[in-house]
């Protein structure tokens, strides 16, 4: 499987939860330079909410 971790060249959001009993992990990189990581279901949920509200599509960037 390809590495789906976001990078400055490939900004985005990646979340993983390998099993129901494992904590979620997440990482985000925005084209504006902001980066973040989180471990634990609640922290990853907050990361996703913050990224979608303030980065990525919120900047109006389409990647073109």
C-alpha atoms as a PDB file:
ATOM      1  CA  UNK A   1       0.000   0.000   0.000  1.00  0.00           C
ATOM      2  CA  UNK A   2       1.210   3.509  -0.770  1.00  0.00           C
ATOM      3  CA  UNK A   3       2.253   5.851   2.014  1.00  0.00           C
ATOM      4  CA  UNK A   4      -0.739   8.126   2.525  1.00  0.00           C
ATOM      5  CA  UNK A   5       0.935  10.424   5.049  1.00  0.00           C
ATOM      6  CA  UNK A   6       0.492  14.051   3.940  1.00  0.00           C
ATOM      7  CA  UNK A   7       3.597  16.060   3.056  1.00  0.00           C
ATOM      8  CA  UNK A   8       4.215  19.666   1.994  1.00  0.00           C
ATOM      9  CA  UNK A   9       4.229  18.405  -1.614  1.00  0.00           C
ATOM     10  CA  UNK A  10       1.015  16.401  -1.028  1.00  0.00           C
ATOM     11  CA  UNK A  11      -0.976  18.292   1.618  1.00  0.00           C
ATOM     12  CA  UNK A  12      -3.996  16.678   3.176  1.00  0.00           C
ATOM     13  CA  UNK A  13      -5.369  14.776   6.114  1.00  0.00           C
ATOM     14  CA  UNK A  14      -4.700  11.133   7.007  1.00  0.00           C
ATOM     15  CA  UNK A  15      -6.454   9.183   9.772  1.00  0.00           C
ATOM     16  CA  UNK A  16      -5.821   5.576  10.753  1.00  0.00           C
ATOM     17  CA  UNK A  17      -7.502   3.261  13.241  1.00  0.00           C
ATOM     18  CA  UNK A  18      -6.217  -0.273  12.622  1.00  0.00           C
ATOM     19  CA  UNK A  19      -8.694  -1.944  14.981  1.00  0.00           C
ATOM     20  CA  UNK A  20     -11.614  -0.974  17.222  1.00  0.00           C
ATOM     21  CA  UNK A  21      -9.397  -1.378  20.289  1.00  0.00           C
ATOM     22  CA  UNK A  22      -6.444   0.649  18.967  1.00  0.00           C
ATOM     23  CA  UNK A  23      -6.256   4.420  19.348  1.00  0.00           C
ATOM     24  CA  UNK A  24      -6.731   6.468  16.212  1.00  0.00           C
ATOM     25  CA  UNK A  25      -3.793   8.407  14.811  1.00  0.00           C
ATOM     26  CA  UNK A  26      -3.916  11.342  12.459  1.00  0.00           C
ATOM     27  CA  UNK A  27      -1.691  13.770  10.632  1.00  0.00           C
ATOM     28  CA  UNK A  28      -2.424  16.875   8.619  1.00  0.00           C
ATOM     29  CA  UNK A  29      -0.376  19.144   6.393  1.00  0.00           C
ATOM     30  CA  UNK A  30      -1.838  22.244   4.775  1.00  0.00           C
ATOM     31  CA  UNK A  31      -0.493  24.004   1.704  1.00  0.00           C
ATOM     32  CA  UNK A  32      -0.138  27.110   3.928  1.00  0.00           C
ATOM     33  CA  UNK A  33       2.568  25.293   5.907  1.00  0.00           C
ATOM     34  CA  UNK A  34       0.559  24.305   8.984  1.00  0.00           C
ATOM     35  CA  UNK A  35       1.146  20.772  10.268  1.00  0.00           C
ATOM     36  CA  UNK A  36      -0.387  18.739  13.086  1.00  0.00           C
ATOM     37  CA  UNK A  37      -0.473  15.205  14.458  1.00  0.00           C
ATOM     38  CA  UNK A  38      -2.756  13.556  16.984  1.00  0.00           C
ATOM     39  CA  UNK A  39      -3.075  10.256  18.815  1.00  0.00           C
ATOM     40  CA  UNK A  40      -6.267   9.046  20.483  1.00  0.00           C
ATOM     41  CA  UNK A  41      -9.821   9.088  19.226  1.00  0.00           C
ATOM     42  CA  UNK A  42     -10.833  12.418  20.768  1.00  0.00           C
ATOM     43  CA  UNK A  43      -7.630  14.179  19.758  1.00  0.00           C
ATOM     44  CA  UNK A  44      -7.901  12.890  16.168  1.00  0.00           C
ATOM     45  CA  UNK A  45     -11.533  14.018  16.027  1.00  0.00           C
ATOM     46  CA  UNK A  46     -10.398  17.507  17.104  1.00  0.00           C
ATOM     47  CA  UNK A  47      -7.600  17.446  14.493  1.00  0.00           C
ATOM     48  CA  UNK A  48     -10.071  16.603  11.714  1.00  0.00           C
ATOM     49  CA  UNK A  49     -12.537  19.282  12.844  1.00  0.00           C
ATOM     50  CA  UNK A  50      -9.798  21.915  13.085  1.00  0.00           C
ATOM     51  CA  UNK A  51      -8.277  21.008   9.718  1.00  0.00           C
ATOM     52  CA  UNK A  52     -11.598  21.034   7.872  1.00  0.00           C
ATOM     53  CA  UNK A  53     -12.647  24.306   9.501  1.00  0.00           C
ATOM     54  CA  UNK A  54      -9.357  26.196   9.091  1.00  0.00           C
ATOM     55  CA  UNK A  55      -7.191  24.534   6.421  1.00  0.00           C
ATOM     56  CA  UNK A  56      -7.399  22.556   3.198  1.00  0.00           C
ATOM     57  CA  UNK A  57     -10.654  23.456   1.460  1.00  0.00           C
ATOM     58  CA  UNK A  58     -11.255  26.287   3.956  1.00  0.00           C
ATOM     59  CA  UNK A  59      -8.492  28.209   2.177  1.00  0.00           C
ATOM     60  CA  UNK A  60     -10.271  27.781  -1.141  1.00  0.00           C
ATOM     61  CA  UNK A  61      -7.270  25.887  -2.510  1.00  0.00           C
ATOM     62  CA  UNK A  62      -8.131  23.219  -5.061  1.00  0.00           C
ATOM     63  CA  UNK A  63      -4.631  21.866  -5.676  1.00  0.00           C
ATOM     64  CA  UNK A  64      -4.527  23.029  -9.282  1.00  0.00           C
END
